[in-house]
Amino acid sequence: MENLGRRQERQGSEFRSISGKRIKEEETGVQRAARASHQSLFSKMKPVLSS
């Protein structure tokens, strides 16, 4: 069982580095759009949170 856990952990870190590179490459348009939608969503929620 211990070996299986270690193997999954290693695969996870490898995947993280790969996805990290991919995210940096796609940062430009995708992240900006995601941030914009997140900001608008947050501004909609703010009045609810403050009340």
PDB file of N, CA and C in Angstrom:
ATOM      1  N   MET A   1       0.836  -1.218   0.000  1.00  0.00           N
ATOM      2  CA  MET A   1       0.000   0.000   0.000  1.00  0.00           C
ATOM      3  C   MET A   1       0.871   1.268   0.000  1.00  0.00           C
ATOM      4  N   GLU A   2       1.959   1.204   0.765  1.00  0.00           N
ATOM      5  CA  GLU A   2       2.805   2.391   0.884  1.00  0.00           C
ATOM      6  C   GLU A   2       3.416   2.774  -0.468  1.00  0.00           C
ATOM      7  N   ASN A   3       3.865   1.732  -1.203  1.00  0.00           N
ATOM      8  CA  ASN A   3       4.457   1.979  -2.518  1.00  0.00           C
ATOM      9  C   ASN A   3       3.458   2.639  -3.464  1.00  0.00           C
ATOM     10  N   LEU A   4       2.221   2.169  -3.443  1.00  0.00           N
ATOM     11  CA  LEU A   4       1.188   2.723  -4.315  1.00  0.00           C
ATOM     12  C   LEU A   4       0.989   4.211  -4.015  1.00  0.00           C
ATOM     13  N   GLY A   5       0.942   4.539  -2.731  1.00  0.00           N
ATOM     14  CA  GLY A   5       0.773   5.934  -2.335  1.00  0.00           C
ATOM     15  C   GLY A   5       1.914   6.800  -2.830  1.00  0.00           C
ATOM     16  N   ARG A   6       3.147   6.288  -2.692  1.00  0.00           N
ATOM     17  CA  ARG A   6       4.310   7.049  -3.160  1.00  0.00           C
ATOM     18  C   ARG A   6       4.252   7.263  -4.662  1.00  0.00           C
ATOM     19  N   ARG A   7       3.843   6.211  -5.395  1.00  0.00           N
ATOM     20  CA  ARG A   7       3.792   6.303  -6.850  1.00  0.00           C
ATOM     21  C   ARG A   7       2.772   7.369  -7.269  1.00  0.00           C
ATOM     22  N   GLN A   8       1.609   7.354  -6.644  1.00  0.00           N
ATOM     23  CA  GLN A   8       0.574   8.340  -6.973  1.00  0.00           C
ATOM     24  C   GLN A   8       1.058   9.752  -6.638  1.00  0.00           C
ATOM     25  N   GLU A   9       1.788   9.875  -5.534  1.00  0.00           N
ATOM     26  CA  GLU A   9       2.293  11.179  -5.133  1.00  0.00           C
ATOM     27  C   GLU A   9       3.262  11.719  -6.178  1.00  0.00           C
ATOM     28  N   ARG A  10       4.149  10.837  -6.655  1.00  0.00           N
ATOM     29  CA  ARG A  10       5.129  11.242  -7.666  1.00  0.00           C
ATOM     30  C   ARG A  10       4.421  11.644  -8.965  1.00  0.00           C
ATOM     31  N   GLN A  11       3.437  10.855  -9.376  1.00  0.00           N
ATOM     32  CA  GLN A  11       2.670  11.182 -10.584  1.00  0.00           C
ATOM     33  C   GLN A  11       1.960  12.524 -10.406  1.00  0.00           C
ATOM     34  N   GLY A  12       1.447  12.760  -9.211  1.00  0.00           N
ATOM     35  CA  GLY A  12       0.750  14.013  -8.945  1.00  0.00           C
ATOM     36  C   GLY A  12       1.671  15.207  -9.099  1.00  0.00           C
ATOM     37  N   SER A  13       2.897  15.105  -8.559  1.00  0.00           N
ATOM     38  CA  SER A  13       3.840  16.218  -8.662  1.00  0.00           C
ATOM     39  C   SER A  13       4.265  16.430 -10.105  1.00  0.00           C
ATOM     40  N   GLU A  14       4.447  15.339 -10.853  1.00  0.00           N
ATOM     41  CA  GLU A  14       4.791  15.450 -12.275  1.00  0.00           C
ATOM     42  C   GLU A  14       3.665  16.151 -13.027  1.00  0.00           C
ATOM     43  N   PHE A  15       2.436  15.741 -12.761  1.00  0.00           N
ATOM     44  CA  PHE A  15       1.277  16.335 -13.429  1.00  0.00           C
ATOM     45  C   PHE A  15       1.173  17.816 -13.078  1.00  0.00           C
ATOM     46  N   ARG A  16       1.477  18.138 -11.828  1.00  0.00           N
ATOM     47  CA  ARG A  16       1.387  19.524 -11.380  1.00  0.00           C
ATOM     48  C   ARG A  16       2.363  20.399 -12.160  1.00  0.00           C
ATOM     49  N   SER A  17       3.607  19.891 -12.344  1.00  0.00           N
ATOM     50  CA  SER A  17       4.606  20.674 -13.072  1.00  0.00           C
ATOM     51  C   SER A  17       4.193  20.843 -14.531  1.00  0.00           C
ATOM     52  N   ILE A  18       3.635  19.791 -15.125  1.00  0.00           N
ATOM     53  CA  ILE A  18       3.178  19.861 -16.520  1.00  0.00           C
ATOM     54  C   ILE A  18       2.039  20.868 -16.639  1.00  0.00           C
ATOM     55  N   SER A  19       1.054  20.760 -15.762  1.00  0.00           N
ATOM     56  CA  SER A  19      -0.094  21.664 -15.822  1.00  0.00           C
ATOM     57  C   SER A  19       0.348  23.088 -15.496  1.00  0.00           C
ATOM     58  N   GLY A  20       1.369  23.223 -14.635  1.00  0.00           N
ATOM     59  CA  GLY A  20       1.902  24.541 -14.319  1.00  0.00           C
ATOM     60  C   GLY A  20       2.474  25.223 -15.546  1.00  0.00           C
ATOM     61  N   LYS A  21       3.253  24.455 -16.332  1.00  0.00           N
ATOM     62  CA  LYS A  21       3.810  24.993 -17.576  1.00  0.00           C
ATOM     63  C   LYS A  21       2.689  25.378 -18.530  1.00  0.00           C
ATOM     64  N   ARG A  22       1.701  24.506 -18.638  1.00  0.00           N
ATOM     65  CA  ARG A  22       0.590  24.747 -19.560  1.00  0.00           C
ATOM     66  C   ARG A  22      -0.164  26.013 -19.141  1.00  0.00           C
ATOM     67  N   ILE A  23      -0.369  26.160 -17.845  1.00  0.00           N
ATOM     68  CA  ILE A  23      -1.095  27.328 -17.345  1.00  0.00           C
ATOM     69  C   ILE A  23      -0.326  28.602 -17.682  1.00  0.00           C
ATOM     70  N   LYS A  24       1.011  28.571 -17.494  1.00  0.00           N
ATOM     71  CA  LYS A  24       1.816  29.754 -17.802  1.00  0.00           C
ATOM     72  C   LYS A  24       1.704  30.117 -19.276  1.00  0.00           C
ATOM     73  N   GLU A  25       1.678  29.092 -20.135  1.00  0.00           N
ATOM     74  CA  GLU A  25       1.570  29.343 -21.576  1.00  0.00           C
ATOM     75  C   GLU A  25       0.207  29.945 -21.924  1.00  0.00           C
ATOM     76  N   GLU A  26      -0.845  29.447 -21.278  1.00  0.00           N
ATOM     77  CA  GLU A  26      -2.202  29.885 -21.610  1.00  0.00           C
ATOM     78  C   GLU A  26      -2.651  31.080 -20.776  1.00  0.00           C
ATOM     79  N   GLU A  27      -1.772  31.539 -19.874  1.00  0.00           N
ATOM     80  CA  GLU A  27      -2.098  32.609 -18.922  1.00  0.00           C
ATOM     81  C   GLU A  27      -2.825  33.774 -19.589  1.00  0.00           C
ATOM     82  N   THR A  28      -2.348  34.158 -20.775  1.00  0.00           N
ATOM     83  CA  THR A  28      -2.781  35.401 -21.414  1.00  0.00           C
ATOM     84  C   THR A  28      -4.295  35.559 -21.456  1.00  0.00           C
ATOM     85  N   GLY A  29      -4.956  34.876 -22.386  1.00  0.00           N
ATOM     86  CA  GLY A  29      -6.383  35.104 -22.601  1.00  0.00           C
ATOM     87  C   GLY A  29      -7.262  34.367 -21.617  1.00  0.00           C
ATOM     88  N   VAL A  30      -6.939  33.106 -21.379  1.00  0.00           N
ATOM     89  CA  VAL A  30      -7.826  32.255 -20.593  1.00  0.00           C
ATOM     90  C   VAL A  30      -7.913  32.752 -19.159  1.00  0.00           C
ATOM     91  N   GLN A  31      -6.742  32.998 -18.548  1.00  0.00           N
ATOM     92  CA  GLN A  31      -6.729  33.409 -17.153  1.00  0.00           C
ATOM     93  C   GLN A  31      -7.386  34.773 -16.983  1.00  0.00           C
ATOM     94  N   ARG A  32      -7.155  35.655 -17.953  1.00  0.00           N
ATOM     95  CA  ARG A  32      -7.753  36.983 -17.871  1.00  0.00           C
ATOM     96  C   ARG A  32      -9.275  36.886 -17.903  1.00  0.00           C
ATOM     97  N   ALA A  33      -9.784  36.033 -18.795  1.00  0.00           N
ATOM     98  CA  ALA A  33     -11.229  35.844 -18.899  1.00  0.00           C
ATOM     99  C   ALA A  33     -11.781  35.225 -17.621  1.00  0.00           C
ATOM    100  N   ALA A  34     -11.053  34.246 -17.095  1.00  0.00           N
ATOM    101  CA  ALA A  34     -11.491  33.586 -15.869  1.00  0.00           C
ATOM    102  C   ALA A  34     -11.497  34.575 -14.713  1.00  0.00           C
ATOM    103  N   ARG A  35     -10.465  35.408 -14.650  1.00  0.00           N
ATOM    104  CA  ARG A  35     -10.381  36.394 -13.585  1.00  0.00           C
ATOM    105  C   ARG A  35     -11.524  37.396 -13.686  1.00  0.00           C
ATOM    106  N   ALA A  36     -11.830  37.810 -14.910  1.00  0.00           N
ATOM    107  CA  ALA A  36     -12.901  38.784 -15.117  1.00  0.00           C
ATOM    108  C   ALA A  36     -14.241  38.223 -14.651  1.00  0.00           C
ATOM    109  N   SER A  37     -14.522  36.977 -15.041  1.00  0.00           N
ATOM    110  CA  SER A  37     -15.790  36.358 -14.655  1.00  0.00           C
ATOM    111  C   SER A  37     -15.832  36.153 -13.143  1.00  0.00           C
ATOM    112  N   HIS A  38     -14.685  35.803 -12.548  1.00  0.00           N
ATOM    113  CA  HIS A  38     -14.614  35.606 -11.103  1.00  0.00           C
ATOM    114  C   HIS A  38     -14.866  36.928 -10.385  1.00  0.00           C
ATOM    115  N   GLN A  39     -14.284  38.008 -10.912  1.00  0.00           N
ATOM    116  CA  GLN A  39     -14.465  39.327 -10.308  1.00  0.00           C
ATOM    117  C   GLN A  39     -15.936  39.734 -10.322  1.00  0.00           C
ATOM    118  N   SER A  40     -16.599  39.542 -11.452  1.00  0.00           N
ATOM    119  CA  SER A  40     -18.005  39.929 -11.556  1.00  0.00           C
ATOM    120  C   SER A  40     -18.856  39.081 -10.614  1.00  0.00           C
ATOM    121  N   LEU A  41     -18.517  37.796 -10.524  1.00  0.00           N
ATOM    122  CA  LEU A  41     -19.232  36.898  -9.624  1.00  0.00           C
ATOM    123  C   LEU A  41     -19.043  37.353  -8.182  1.00  0.00           C
ATOM    124  N   PHE A  42     -17.820  37.730  -7.839  1.00  0.00           N
ATOM    125  CA  PHE A  42     -17.513  38.152  -6.479  1.00  0.00           C
ATOM    126  C   PHE A  42     -18.238  39.451  -6.136  1.00  0.00           C
ATOM    127  N   SER A  43     -18.302  40.373  -7.098  1.00  0.00           N
ATOM    128  CA  SER A  43     -18.978  41.648  -6.853  1.00  0.00           C
ATOM    129  C   SER A  43     -20.479  41.441  -6.677  1.00  0.00           C
ATOM    130  N   LYS A  44     -21.022  40.410  -7.333  1.00  0.00           N
ATOM    131  CA  LYS A  44     -22.435  40.081  -7.139  1.00  0.00           C
ATOM    132  C   LYS A  44     -22.662  39.513  -5.745  1.00  0.00           C
ATOM    133  N   MET A  45     -21.689  38.738  -5.257  1.00  0.00           N
ATOM    134  CA  MET A  45     -21.836  38.081  -3.958  1.00  0.00           C
ATOM    135  C   MET A  45     -21.563  39.028  -2.800  1.00  0.00           C
ATOM    136  N   LYS A  46     -20.765  40.060  -3.018  1.00  0.00           N
ATOM    137  CA  LYS A  46     -20.342  40.954  -1.943  1.00  0.00           C
ATOM    138  C   LYS A  46     -21.507  41.535  -1.139  1.00  0.00           C
ATOM    139  N   PRO A  47     -22.544  42.086  -1.802  1.00  0.00           N
ATOM    140  CA  PRO A  47     -23.674  42.624  -1.037  1.00  0.00           C
ATOM    141  C   PRO A  47     -24.317  41.584  -0.125  1.00  0.00           C
ATOM    142  N   VAL A  48     -24.379  40.348  -0.606  1.00  0.00           N
ATOM    143  CA  VAL A  48     -24.978  39.277   0.185  1.00  0.00           C
ATOM    144  C   VAL A  48     -24.125  38.996   1.411  1.00  0.00           C
ATOM    145  N   LEU A  49     -22.801  38.994   1.222  1.00  0.00           N
ATOM    146  CA  LEU A  49     -21.892  38.690   2.318  1.00  0.00           C
ATOM    147  C   LEU A  49     -21.904  39.800   3.364  1.00  0.00           C
ATOM    148  N   SER A  50     -21.999  41.054   2.912  1.00  0.00           N
ATOM    149  CA  SER A  50     -21.895  42.180   3.839  1.00  0.00           C
ATOM    150  C   SER A  50     -23.175  42.355   4.656  1.00  0.00           C
ATOM    151  N   SER A  51     -24.321  41.983   4.111  1.00  0.00           N
ATOM    152  CA  SER A  51     -25.593  42.183   4.812  1.00  0.00           C
ATOM    153  C   SER A  51     -25.763  41.203   5.964  1.00  0.00           C
TER     154      SER A  51
END
